[in-house]
Amino acid sequence: MSTSELDWSKSSYSSAQGDSCVEVAVGEQGVRVRDSKDVTRPHLAVGRDGWARFVGFTARGVRAE
């Protein structure tokens, strides 16, 4: 599946201008993340398990040091 076929979503916390945000798209093989300001740049692909761990850490406010 090409990135243009994915359903990209912005965070509800994105500013009204949408200038400081990332977009995510969930696909069969994992989650893709891209810069909303320049969607032509390469995106980051993460497996579903890795994404779930990342979201869990951020929800708990855990910071990597």
N, C-alpha and C. Protein backbone atom coordinates (compact mmCIF):
# COMPACT_ATOMS: atom_id res chain seq x y z
N MET A 1 0.85 -1.18 0.00
CA MET A 1 0.00 0.00 0.00
C MET A 1 0.90 1.24 0.00
N SER A 2 0.64 2.17 -0.90
CA SER A 2 1.44 3.39 -0.96
C SER A 2 0.97 4.35 0.13
N THR A 3 1.84 5.32 0.46
CA THR A 3 1.49 6.27 1.52
C THR A 3 0.32 7.14 1.12
N SER A 4 0.09 7.34 -0.17
CA SER A 4 -1.05 8.16 -0.59
C SER A 4 -2.37 7.43 -0.38
N GLU A 5 -2.34 6.11 -0.26
CA GLU A 5 -3.54 5.33 -0.04
C GLU A 5 -3.90 5.19 1.44
N LEU A 6 -3.00 5.58 2.32
CA LEU A 6 -3.23 5.46 3.76
C LEU A 6 -4.14 6.57 4.25
N ASP A 7 -4.83 6.30 5.34
CA ASP A 7 -5.71 7.28 5.98
C ASP A 7 -4.91 7.97 7.09
N TRP A 8 -4.33 9.12 6.77
CA TRP A 8 -3.49 9.85 7.71
C TRP A 8 -4.35 10.68 8.66
N SER A 9 -3.96 10.72 9.94
CA SER A 9 -4.71 11.47 10.96
C SER A 9 -3.76 12.35 11.75
N LYS A 10 -4.22 13.56 12.08
CA LYS A 10 -3.47 14.46 12.95
C LYS A 10 -4.00 14.35 14.37
N SER A 11 -3.18 14.71 15.31
CA SER A 11 -3.58 14.74 16.70
C SER A 11 -4.64 15.80 16.93
N SER A 12 -5.53 15.51 17.85
CA SER A 12 -6.53 16.51 18.24
C SER A 12 -5.88 17.67 18.98
N TYR A 13 -4.62 17.51 19.40
CA TYR A 13 -3.89 18.57 20.08
C TYR A 13 -3.18 19.50 19.10
N SER A 14 -3.27 19.23 17.81
CA SER A 14 -2.63 20.07 16.80
C SER A 14 -3.22 21.47 16.86
N SER A 15 -2.36 22.46 16.64
CA SER A 15 -2.84 23.84 16.67
C SER A 15 -3.77 24.11 15.50
N ALA A 16 -4.50 25.19 15.57
CA ALA A 16 -5.44 25.56 14.51
C ALA A 16 -4.72 25.75 13.18
N GLN A 17 -3.46 26.20 13.23
CA GLN A 17 -2.69 26.38 12.02
C GLN A 17 -2.13 25.05 11.50
N GLY A 18 -2.08 24.04 12.36
CA GLY A 18 -1.57 22.73 11.95
C GLY A 18 -0.10 22.74 11.63
N ASP A 19 0.65 23.66 12.25
CA ASP A 19 2.05 23.84 11.86
C ASP A 19 3.06 23.05 12.69
N SER A 20 2.66 22.43 13.74
CA SER A 20 3.62 21.71 14.58
C SER A 20 3.06 20.35 14.95
N CYS A 21 2.90 19.52 13.97
CA CYS A 21 2.24 18.26 14.25
C CYS A 21 2.81 17.13 13.39
N VAL A 22 2.59 15.96 13.83
CA VAL A 22 2.87 14.78 13.03
C VAL A 22 1.54 14.14 12.68
N GLU A 23 1.56 13.31 11.66
CA GLU A 23 0.38 12.56 11.26
C GLU A 23 0.72 11.08 11.37
N VAL A 24 -0.26 10.28 11.69
CA VAL A 24 -0.08 8.84 11.76
C VAL A 24 -1.10 8.14 10.88
N ALA A 25 -0.70 6.99 10.39
CA ALA A 25 -1.60 6.14 9.60
C ALA A 25 -1.38 4.70 10.05
N VAL A 26 -2.45 4.02 10.35
CA VAL A 26 -2.38 2.64 10.79
C VAL A 26 -2.66 1.74 9.59
N GLY A 27 -1.73 0.84 9.31
CA GLY A 27 -1.90 -0.09 8.20
C GLY A 27 -1.80 -1.52 8.69
N GLU A 28 -1.92 -2.44 7.78
CA GLU A 28 -1.85 -3.86 8.13
C GLU A 28 -0.51 -4.25 8.71
N GLN A 29 0.55 -3.62 8.24
CA GLN A 29 1.90 -4.00 8.66
C GLN A 29 2.46 -3.11 9.77
N GLY A 30 1.69 -2.15 10.24
CA GLY A 30 2.17 -1.31 11.32
C GLY A 30 1.66 0.11 11.22
N VAL A 31 2.37 1.00 11.89
CA VAL A 31 1.99 2.41 11.96
C VAL A 31 3.05 3.23 11.25
N ARG A 32 2.61 4.21 10.50
CA ARG A 32 3.53 5.12 9.83
C ARG A 32 3.33 6.51 10.42
N VAL A 33 4.44 7.25 10.55
CA VAL A 33 4.44 8.58 11.13
C VAL A 33 5.14 9.52 10.16
N ARG A 34 4.55 10.71 9.93
CA ARG A 34 5.18 11.68 9.03
C ARG A 34 4.98 13.10 9.56
N ASP A 35 5.79 14.01 9.05
CA ASP A 35 5.72 15.42 9.38
C ASP A 35 4.58 16.04 8.58
N SER A 36 3.63 16.66 9.27
CA SER A 36 2.47 17.23 8.58
C SER A 36 2.83 18.46 7.74
N LYS A 37 3.97 19.09 8.03
CA LYS A 37 4.38 20.26 7.26
C LYS A 37 4.98 19.89 5.91
N ASP A 38 5.51 18.68 5.79
CA ASP A 38 6.14 18.26 4.53
C ASP A 38 5.86 16.78 4.32
N VAL A 39 4.71 16.48 3.78
CA VAL A 39 4.28 15.09 3.63
C VAL A 39 5.02 14.36 2.51
N THR A 40 5.85 15.07 1.76
CA THR A 40 6.62 14.43 0.69
C THR A 40 7.90 13.78 1.22
N ARG A 41 8.31 14.14 2.42
CA ARG A 41 9.52 13.55 3.00
C ARG A 41 9.25 12.10 3.41
N PRO A 42 10.29 11.30 3.54
CA PRO A 42 10.10 9.91 3.97
C PRO A 42 9.43 9.85 5.34
N HIS A 43 8.66 8.81 5.56
CA HIS A 43 7.97 8.62 6.83
C HIS A 43 8.67 7.54 7.64
N LEU A 44 8.33 7.48 8.90
CA LEU A 44 8.85 6.48 9.82
C LEU A 44 7.84 5.34 9.91
N ALA A 45 8.30 4.12 9.76
CA ALA A 45 7.42 2.96 9.89
C ALA A 45 7.75 2.23 11.19
N VAL A 46 6.73 1.92 11.97
CA VAL A 46 6.89 1.27 13.27
C VAL A 46 5.93 0.08 13.34
N GLY A 47 6.40 -1.02 13.89
CA GLY A 47 5.52 -2.17 14.08
C GLY A 47 4.43 -1.86 15.10
N ARG A 48 3.36 -2.61 15.06
CA ARG A 48 2.24 -2.38 15.98
C ARG A 48 2.66 -2.52 17.44
N ASP A 49 3.48 -3.50 17.76
CA ASP A 49 3.92 -3.68 19.16
C ASP A 49 4.77 -2.51 19.61
N GLY A 50 5.68 -2.05 18.76
CA GLY A 50 6.52 -0.90 19.10
C GLY A 50 5.69 0.35 19.30
N TRP A 51 4.69 0.55 18.45
CA TRP A 51 3.81 1.72 18.58
C TRP A 51 3.03 1.65 19.89
N ALA A 52 2.52 0.48 20.22
CA ALA A 52 1.75 0.32 21.46
C ALA A 52 2.63 0.64 22.67
N ARG A 53 3.89 0.20 22.66
CA ARG A 53 4.80 0.51 23.77
C ARG A 53 5.06 2.02 23.84
N PHE A 54 5.29 2.65 22.69
CA PHE A 54 5.53 4.10 22.65
C PHE A 54 4.34 4.87 23.22
N VAL A 55 3.15 4.54 22.77
CA VAL A 55 1.94 5.22 23.25
C VAL A 55 1.76 4.98 24.76
N GLY A 56 2.05 3.77 25.22
CA GLY A 56 1.96 3.47 26.65
C GLY A 56 2.92 4.32 27.47
N PHE A 57 4.16 4.45 26.98
CA PHE A 57 5.14 5.28 27.70
C PHE A 57 4.70 6.74 27.74
N THR A 58 4.23 7.26 26.61
CA THR A 58 3.84 8.66 26.60
C THR A 58 2.59 8.91 27.44
N ALA A 59 1.68 7.96 27.47
CA ALA A 59 0.46 8.12 28.28
C ALA A 59 0.80 8.17 29.77
N ARG A 60 1.86 7.47 30.16
CA ARG A 60 2.27 7.47 31.57
C ARG A 60 3.23 8.61 31.89
N GLY A 61 3.64 9.36 30.88
CA GLY A 61 4.57 10.47 31.09
C GLY A 61 5.99 10.02 31.32
N VAL A 62 6.35 8.85 30.84
CA VAL A 62 7.72 8.33 30.99
C VAL A 62 8.62 9.01 29.97
N ARG A 63 9.77 9.49 30.43
CA ARG A 63 10.72 10.13 29.53
C ARG A 63 11.98 9.28 29.44
N ALA A 64 12.50 9.15 28.22
CA ALA A 64 13.79 8.47 28.04
C ALA A 64 14.89 9.42 28.45
N GLU A 65 15.92 8.90 29.10
CA GLU A 65 17.02 9.77 29.54
C GLU A 65 18.29 9.36 28.88
